[in-house]
Amino acid sequence: MQRPYIDIHTHQHYPMGDNAVISIQNIALNHHEILSGKPCSVGLHPWYVHDDSLSLLQHMQTILHQNNVMAVGECGLDKHVEVPFALQQYVFEEQIALAARFQKPLLIHCVRAFQEVVQTLDRTAFKQGVIFHGYRKNWTLAQQLLALGYYLSIGSHCLNGSQDQVLKNIPLTQLFLETDTSAAATVEAIYQYVATVRSIPLDALKEAIYRNYKTLFNK
């Protein structure tokens, strides 16, 4: 059976009825984006956390029960922005609690704060599954995250060869691929590149990532 492509995190809008791709559309509550009936993730991005984010957290509780809301995120920590880190941390932990309550995986945005994110996940004993989206760091850090059972999602930035070491070595059982905000690269192009780097058939890569999707989301 021909497996669909899985685009685990995207800001793109795929046409309705496109059975060749299963996409998890990002819904940023910070921007008051509206839920459609498509599979999506819902979260408060650390770039846009502010003092009245509590009301948005309350709003999250009213929509996380919907079947098409697949994950909480993107959420996390980012030391590259001026948003107070303590506030980011609080909102992140609140979203972890919601993800645990509604039994949803987390889609993590992390910049210069991997230690803090991992410590937070450990302290909260989160067990629903974690994807570090847009991973673009080295293989050493990747090994540490993989050893903890987390998934890594890699996007179009890999097309320049910068992630080849990670792509060659990551267990296929912990890999996802994504388009994120890129309109230039299709999910099909990213899959083809990764299959070439891994020296495996495209269909084998699609099968592996489809299984990860089924496992993570109990589909």
C-alpha atoms as a PDB file:
ATOM      1  CA  MET A   1       0.000   0.000   0.000  1.00  0.00           C
ATOM      2  CA  GLN A   2       1.274   3.457  -0.923  1.00  0.00           C
ATOM      3  CA  ARG A   3       1.796   5.424   2.290  1.00  0.00           C
ATOM      4  CA  PRO A   4       1.079   9.159   2.453  1.00  0.00           C
ATOM      5  CA  TYR A   5       3.739  11.712   3.193  1.00  0.00           C
ATOM      6  CA  ILE A   6       3.584  12.991   6.773  1.00  0.00           C
ATOM      7  CA  ASP A   7       4.227  16.720   7.192  1.00  0.00           C
ATOM      8  CA  ILE A   8       4.349  16.814  10.969  1.00  0.00           C
ATOM      9  CA  HIS A   9       4.471  20.617  11.312  1.00  0.00           C
ATOM     10  CA  THR A  10       3.421  23.129   8.711  1.00  0.00           C
ATOM     11  CA  HIS A  11       2.090  26.641   8.347  1.00  0.00           C
ATOM     12  CA  GLN A  12       1.058  25.816   4.769  1.00  0.00           C
ATOM     13  CA  HIS A  13      -2.494  25.046   3.714  1.00  0.00           C
ATOM     14  CA  TYR A  14      -2.819  21.814   1.765  1.00  0.00           C
ATOM     15  CA  PRO A  15      -5.865  21.402  -0.489  1.00  0.00           C
ATOM     16  CA  MET A  16      -8.786  19.519   1.028  1.00  0.00           C
ATOM     17  CA  GLY A  17      -8.889  15.970  -0.260  1.00  0.00           C
ATOM     18  CA  ASP A  18      -5.125  15.736  -0.829  1.00  0.00           C
ATOM     19  CA  ASN A  19      -4.712  12.141   0.305  1.00  0.00           C
ATOM     20  CA  ALA A  20      -1.051  12.041  -0.707  1.00  0.00           C
ATOM     21  CA  VAL A  21      -0.069  14.141   2.324  1.00  0.00           C
ATOM     22  CA  ILE A  22      -1.147  14.037   5.966  1.00  0.00           C
ATOM     23  CA  SER A  23      -0.229  17.415   7.410  1.00  0.00           C
ATOM     24  CA  ILE A  24      -0.411  18.745  10.948  1.00  0.00           C
ATOM     25  CA  GLN A  25      -1.226  22.408  10.509  1.00  0.00           C
ATOM     26  CA  ASN A  26       0.129  24.794  13.130  1.00  0.00           C
ATOM     27  CA  ILE A  27      -2.536  26.902  14.852  1.00  0.00           C
ATOM     28  CA  ALA A  28      -0.966  29.735  16.839  1.00  0.00           C
ATOM     29  CA  LEU A  29      -3.438  30.930  19.445  1.00  0.00           C
ATOM     30  CA  ASN A  30      -1.201  33.967  19.966  1.00  0.00           C
ATOM     31  CA  HIS A  31      -2.276  35.098  16.497  1.00  0.00           C
ATOM     32  CA  HIS A  32      -5.919  34.132  17.034  1.00  0.00           C
ATOM     33  CA  GLU A  33      -5.774  31.688  14.137  1.00  0.00           C
ATOM     34  CA  ILE A  34      -8.972  29.752  13.570  1.00  0.00           C
ATOM     35  CA  LEU A  35      -9.290  25.984  13.746  1.00  0.00           C
ATOM     36  CA  SER A  36     -10.485  24.182  10.665  1.00  0.00           C
ATOM     37  CA  GLY A  37     -11.524  20.560  10.537  1.00  0.00           C
ATOM     38  CA  LYS A  38      -8.041  19.498   9.423  1.00  0.00           C
ATOM     39  CA  PRO A  39      -5.481  17.812  11.695  1.00  0.00           C
ATOM     40  CA  CYS A  40      -3.655  20.512  13.628  1.00  0.00           C
ATOM     41  CA  SER A  41      -1.538  21.383  16.620  1.00  0.00           C
ATOM     42  CA  VAL A  42      -2.524  24.186  18.968  1.00  0.00           C
ATOM     43  CA  GLY A  43      -0.171  26.150  21.164  1.00  0.00           C
ATOM     44  CA  LEU A  44       1.324  29.379  22.469  1.00  0.00           C
ATOM     45  CA  HIS A  45       4.651  30.116  20.787  1.00  0.00           C
ATOM     46  CA  PRO A  46       7.313  31.451  23.205  1.00  0.00           C
ATOM     47  CA  TRP A  47       8.004  34.424  20.930  1.00  0.00           C
ATOM     48  CA  TYR A  48       4.552  35.813  21.615  1.00  0.00           C
ATOM     49  CA  VAL A  49       3.962  34.947  25.264  1.00  0.00           C
ATOM     50  CA  HIS A  50       2.722  37.920  27.291  1.00  0.00           C
ATOM     51  CA  ASP A  51       1.053  38.696  30.597  1.00  0.00           C
ATOM     52  CA  ASP A  52      -2.469  37.972  29.362  1.00  0.00           C
ATOM     53  CA  SER A  53      -1.536  34.551  27.957  1.00  0.00           C
ATOM     54  CA  LEU A  54      -3.548  33.059  30.817  1.00  0.00           C
ATOM     55  CA  SER A  55      -6.761  33.759  28.924  1.00  0.00           C
ATOM     56  CA  LEU A  56      -5.361  31.945  25.884  1.00  0.00           C
ATOM     57  CA  LEU A  57      -4.396  28.985  28.067  1.00  0.00           C
ATOM     58  CA  GLN A  58      -7.982  28.858  29.281  1.00  0.00           C
ATOM     59  CA  HIS A  59      -9.159  28.964  25.675  1.00  0.00           C
ATOM     60  CA  MET A  60      -6.870  26.026  24.876  1.00  0.00           C
ATOM     61  CA  GLN A  61      -8.747  23.914  27.394  1.00  0.00           C
ATOM     62  CA  THR A  62     -11.970  24.422  25.460  1.00  0.00           C
ATOM     63  CA  ILE A  63     -10.560  23.123  22.159  1.00  0.00           C
ATOM     64  CA  LEU A  64      -8.049  20.407  23.076  1.00  0.00           C
ATOM     65  CA  HIS A  65     -10.822  17.820  23.322  1.00  0.00           C
ATOM     66  CA  GLN A  66     -11.476  18.146  19.583  1.00  0.00           C
ATOM     67  CA  ASN A  67     -10.381  15.066  17.663  1.00  0.00           C
ATOM     68  CA  ASN A  68      -8.574  17.015  14.948  1.00  0.00           C
ATOM     69  CA  VAL A  69      -6.291  18.687  17.527  1.00  0.00           C
ATOM     70  CA  MET A  70      -3.424  16.231  17.384  1.00  0.00           C
ATOM     71  CA  ALA A  71      -0.774  17.901  19.554  1.00  0.00           C
ATOM     72  CA  VAL A  72       0.025  20.832  21.832  1.00  0.00           C
ATOM     73  CA  GLY A  73       2.452  23.274  20.272  1.00  0.00           C
ATOM     74  CA  GLU A  74       4.393  24.640  19.023  1.00  0.00           C
ATOM     75  CA  CYS A  75       5.447  25.557  22.530  1.00  0.00           C
ATOM     76  CA  GLY A  76       8.723  25.709  24.404  1.00  0.00           C
ATOM     77  CA  LEU A  77      11.567  28.023  25.359  1.00  0.00           C
ATOM     78  CA  ASP A  78      13.645  30.507  23.366  1.00  0.00           C
ATOM     79  CA  LYS A  79      16.603  32.470  24.724  1.00  0.00           C
ATOM     80  CA  HIS A  80      17.000  34.422  21.497  1.00  0.00           C
ATOM     81  CA  VAL A  81      13.970  36.633  22.150  1.00  0.00           C
ATOM     82  CA  GLU A  82      13.368  39.329  24.750  1.00  0.00           C
ATOM     83  CA  VAL A  83      10.257  37.731  26.241  1.00  0.00           C
ATOM     84  CA  PRO A  84      11.015  37.207  29.969  1.00  0.00           C
ATOM     85  CA  PHE A  85      12.319  33.684  30.366  1.00  0.00           C
ATOM     86  CA  ALA A  86      10.415  33.103  33.603  1.00  0.00           C
ATOM     87  CA  LEU A  87       7.162  33.920  31.801  1.00  0.00           C
ATOM     88  CA  GLN A  88       8.074  31.595  28.929  1.00  0.00           C
ATOM     89  CA  GLN A  89       8.817  28.874  31.463  1.00  0.00           C
ATOM     90  CA  TYR A  90       5.474  29.317  33.218  1.00  0.00           C
ATOM     91  CA  VAL A  91       3.448  29.210  30.009  1.00  0.00           C
ATOM     92  CA  PHE A  92       5.448  26.213  28.773  1.00  0.00           C
ATOM     93  CA  GLU A  93       4.757  24.273  31.961  1.00  0.00           C
ATOM     94  CA  GLU A  94       1.063  25.124  31.769  1.00  0.00           C
ATOM     95  CA  GLN A  95       0.956  23.736  28.232  1.00  0.00           C
ATOM     96  CA  ILE A  96       2.761  20.581  29.343  1.00  0.00           C
ATOM     97  CA  ALA A  97       0.077  20.131  31.998  1.00  0.00           C
ATOM     98  CA  LEU A  98      -2.668  20.563  29.401  1.00  0.00           C
ATOM     99  CA  ALA A  99      -0.988  18.106  27.039  1.00  0.00           C
ATOM    100  CA  ALA A 100      -0.793  15.550  29.842  1.00  0.00           C
ATOM    101  CA  ARG A 101      -4.406  16.132  30.835  1.00  0.00           C
ATOM    102  CA  PHE A 102      -5.710  15.723  27.287  1.00  0.00           C
ATOM    103  CA  GLN A 103      -3.153  13.050  26.383  1.00  0.00           C
ATOM    104  CA  LYS A 104      -1.647  14.952  23.464  1.00  0.00           C
ATOM    105  CA  PRO A 105       2.001  14.894  22.329  1.00  0.00           C
ATOM    106  CA  LEU A 106       4.097  18.057  22.549  1.00  0.00           C
ATOM    107  CA  LEU A 107       5.564  19.859  19.546  1.00  0.00           C
ATOM    108  CA  ILE A 108       8.581  21.722  20.898  1.00  0.00           C
ATOM    109  CA  HIS A 109      10.143  24.986  19.746  1.00  0.00           C
ATOM    110  CA  CYS A 110      13.562  25.291  21.376  1.00  0.00           C
ATOM    111  CA  VAL A 111      16.316  27.849  20.808  1.00  0.00           C
ATOM    112  CA  ARG A 112      19.405  27.897  23.034  1.00  0.00           C
ATOM    113  CA  ALA A 113      17.438  26.257  25.842  1.00  0.00           C
ATOM    114  CA  PHE A 114      17.686  22.511  25.302  1.00  0.00           C
ATOM    115  CA  GLN A 115      18.907  21.856  28.837  1.00  0.00           C
ATOM    116  CA  GLU A 116      16.031  23.815  30.350  1.00  0.00           C
ATOM    117  CA  VAL A 117      13.447  22.149  28.111  1.00  0.00           C
ATOM    118  CA  VAL A 118      14.717  18.657  28.926  1.00  0.00           C
ATOM    119  CA  GLN A 119      14.854  19.446  32.643  1.00  0.00           C
ATOM    120  CA  THR A 120      11.276  20.736  32.518  1.00  0.00           C
ATOM    121  CA  LEU A 121      10.035  17.651  30.700  1.00  0.00           C
ATOM    122  CA  ASP A 122      11.824  15.453  33.228  1.00  0.00           C
ATOM    123  CA  ARG A 123      10.529  17.378  36.238  1.00  0.00           C
ATOM    124  CA  THR A 124       6.954  17.233  34.991  1.00  0.00           C
ATOM    125  CA  ALA A 125       7.326  13.527  34.096  1.00  0.00           C
ATOM    126  CA  PHE A 126       5.628  14.100  30.746  1.00  0.00           C
ATOM    127  CA  LYS A 127       4.969  10.776  28.993  1.00  0.00           C
ATOM    128  CA  GLN A 128       2.744  11.549  25.990  1.00  0.00           C
ATOM    129  CA  GLY A 129       5.466  11.872  23.359  1.00  0.00           C
ATOM    130  CA  VAL A 130       7.683  14.799  22.398  1.00  0.00           C
ATOM    131  CA  ILE A 131       8.765  16.112  18.999  1.00  0.00           C
ATOM    132  CA  PHE A 132      11.558  18.689  18.753  1.00  0.00           C
ATOM    133  CA  HIS A 133      10.495  20.479  15.597  1.00  0.00           C
ATOM    134  CA  GLY A 134      12.847  22.132  13.135  1.00  0.00           C
ATOM    135  CA  TYR A 135      15.908  20.385  14.567  1.00  0.00           C
ATOM    136  CA  ARG A 136      19.099  21.872  13.134  1.00  0.00           C
ATOM    137  CA  LYS A 137      21.742  21.226  15.784  1.00  0.00           C
ATOM    138  CA  ASN A 138      24.577  18.687  15.818  1.00  0.00           C
ATOM    139  CA  TRP A 139      24.574  14.914  16.118  1.00  0.00           C
ATOM    140  CA  THR A 140      25.958  15.004  19.674  1.00  0.00           C
ATOM    141  CA  LEU A 141      22.915  16.872  20.988  1.00  0.00           C
ATOM    142  CA  ALA A 142      20.644  14.764  18.806  1.00  0.00           C
ATOM    143  CA  GLN A 143      21.974  11.602  20.459  1.00  0.00           C
ATOM    144  CA  GLN A 144      21.160  13.009  23.898  1.00  0.00           C
ATOM    145  CA  LEU A 145      17.584  13.826  22.895  1.00  0.00           C
ATOM    146  CA  LEU A 146      17.082  10.512  21.132  1.00  0.00           C
ATOM    147  CA  ALA A 147      18.361   8.611  24.174  1.00  0.00           C
ATOM    148  CA  LEU A 148      15.518  10.186  26.153  1.00  0.00           C
ATOM    149  CA  GLY A 149      13.001   8.789  23.693  1.00  0.00           C
ATOM    150  CA  TYR A 150      12.162  12.042  21.915  1.00  0.00           C
ATOM    151  CA  TYR A 151      11.428  12.450  18.214  1.00  0.00           C
ATOM    152  CA  LEU A 152      13.300  14.915  16.007  1.00  0.00           C
ATOM    153  CA  SER A 153      11.591  16.643  13.101  1.00  0.00           C
ATOM    154  CA  ILE A 154      13.778  18.047  10.352  1.00  0.00           C
ATOM    155  CA  GLY A 155      12.719  20.603   7.778  1.00  0.00           C
ATOM    156  CA  SER A 156      13.808  22.186   4.526  1.00  0.00           C
ATOM    157  CA  HIS A 157      17.026  23.554   6.037  1.00  0.00           C
ATOM    158  CA  CYS A 158      18.445  20.041   5.630  1.00  0.00           C
ATOM    159  CA  LEU A 159      18.476  20.479   1.855  1.00  0.00           C
ATOM    160  CA  ASN A 160      21.769  22.395   2.093  1.00  0.00           C
ATOM    161  CA  GLY A 161      23.503  19.361   3.594  1.00  0.00           C
ATOM    162  CA  SER A 162      23.828  20.805   7.097  1.00  0.00           C
ATOM    163  CA  GLN A 163      21.968  17.905   8.724  1.00  0.00           C
ATOM    164  CA  ASP A 164      23.449  15.012   6.771  1.00  0.00           C
ATOM    165  CA  GLN A 165      25.231  13.513   9.790  1.00  0.00           C
ATOM    166  CA  VAL A 166      22.019  13.548  11.803  1.00  0.00           C
ATOM    167  CA  LEU A 167      19.994  12.166   8.906  1.00  0.00           C
ATOM    168  CA  LYS A 168      22.447   9.332   8.271  1.00  0.00           C
ATOM    169  CA  ASN A 169      22.485   8.217  11.902  1.00  0.00           C
ATOM    170  CA  ILE A 170      19.090   8.932  13.449  1.00  0.00           C
ATOM    171  CA  PRO A 171      16.935   5.838  14.006  1.00  0.00           C
ATOM    172  CA  LEU A 172      14.076   5.978  11.535  1.00  0.00           C
ATOM    173  CA  THR A 173      11.776   5.146  14.452  1.00  0.00           C
ATOM    174  CA  GLN A 174      12.420   8.631  15.888  1.00  0.00           C
ATOM    175  CA  LEU A 175      12.329  10.751  12.736  1.00  0.00           C
ATOM    176  CA  PHE A 176       9.705  13.116  11.367  1.00  0.00           C
ATOM    177  CA  LEU A 177       9.938  15.606   8.492  1.00  0.00           C
ATOM    178  CA  GLU A 178       8.234  18.975   8.093  1.00  0.00           C
ATOM    179  CA  THR A 179       7.846  22.017   5.877  1.00  0.00           C
ATOM    180  CA  ASP A 180       7.257  24.510   8.730  1.00  0.00           C
ATOM    181  CA  THR A 181       7.032  27.987   7.173  1.00  0.00           C
ATOM    182  CA  SER A 182       8.923  27.128   3.986  1.00  0.00           C
ATOM    183  CA  ALA A 183       6.957  27.698   0.815  1.00  0.00           C
ATOM    184  CA  ALA A 184       9.989  26.966  -1.359  1.00  0.00           C
ATOM    185  CA  ALA A 185      10.456  23.287  -0.471  1.00  0.00           C
ATOM    186  CA  THR A 186       7.705  20.691  -0.634  1.00  0.00           C
ATOM    187  CA  VAL A 187       7.431  17.823   1.802  1.00  0.00           C
ATOM    188  CA  GLU A 188       7.979  15.508  -1.172  1.00  0.00           C
ATOM    189  CA  ALA A 189      11.325  17.181  -1.928  1.00  0.00           C
ATOM    190  CA  ILE A 190      12.419  16.873   1.705  1.00  0.00           C
ATOM    191  CA  TYR A 191      11.521  13.173   1.776  1.00  0.00           C
ATOM    192  CA  GLN A 192      13.387  12.545  -1.471  1.00  0.00           C
ATOM    193  CA  TYR A 193      16.498  14.279  -0.153  1.00  0.00           C
ATOM    194  CA  VAL A 194      16.453  12.298   3.103  1.00  0.00           C
ATOM    195  CA  ALA A 195      15.937   9.012   1.256  1.00  0.00           C
ATOM    196  CA  THR A 196      18.956   9.824  -0.901  1.00  0.00           C
ATOM    197  CA  VAL A 197      21.128  10.703   2.108  1.00  0.00           C
ATOM    198  CA  ARG A 198      20.055   7.477   3.842  1.00  0.00           C
ATOM    199  CA  SER A 199      20.510   5.436   0.650  1.00  0.00           C
ATOM    200  CA  ILE A 200      17.087   3.863   1.101  1.00  0.00           C
ATOM    201  CA  PRO A 201      14.035   3.694  -1.180  1.00  0.00           C
ATOM    202  CA  LEU A 202      11.592   6.565  -0.850  1.00  0.00           C
ATOM    203  CA  ASP A 203       8.786   4.123  -0.064  1.00  0.00           C
ATOM    204  CA  ALA A 204      10.795   2.688   2.848  1.00  0.00           C
ATOM    205  CA  LEU A 205      11.195   6.170   4.332  1.00  0.00           C
ATOM    206  CA  LYS A 206       7.489   6.910   3.880  1.00  0.00           C
ATOM    207  CA  GLU A 207       6.599   3.624   5.572  1.00  0.00           C
ATOM    208  CA  ALA A 208       8.877   4.323   8.553  1.00  0.00           C
ATOM    209  CA  ILE A 209       7.580   7.836   9.184  1.00  0.00           C
ATOM    210  CA  TYR A 210       3.983   6.727   8.663  1.00  0.00           C
ATOM    211  CA  ARG A 211       4.517   4.116  11.387  1.00  0.00           C
ATOM    212  CA  ASN A 212       5.898   6.807  13.695  1.00  0.00           C
ATOM    213  CA  TYR A 213       2.781   8.867  13.049  1.00  0.00           C
ATOM    214  CA  LYS A 214       0.518   5.905  13.806  1.00  0.00           C
ATOM    215  CA  THR A 215       2.462   5.092  16.978  1.00  0.00           C
ATOM    216  CA  LEU A 216       2.612   8.633  18.340  1.00  0.00           C
ATOM    217  CA  PHE A 217      -1.011   9.492  17.659  1.00  0.00           C
ATOM    218  CA  ASN A 218      -2.475   6.028  18.291  1.00  0.00           C
ATOM    219  CA  LYS A 219      -3.981   5.971  14.826  1.00  0.00           C
END
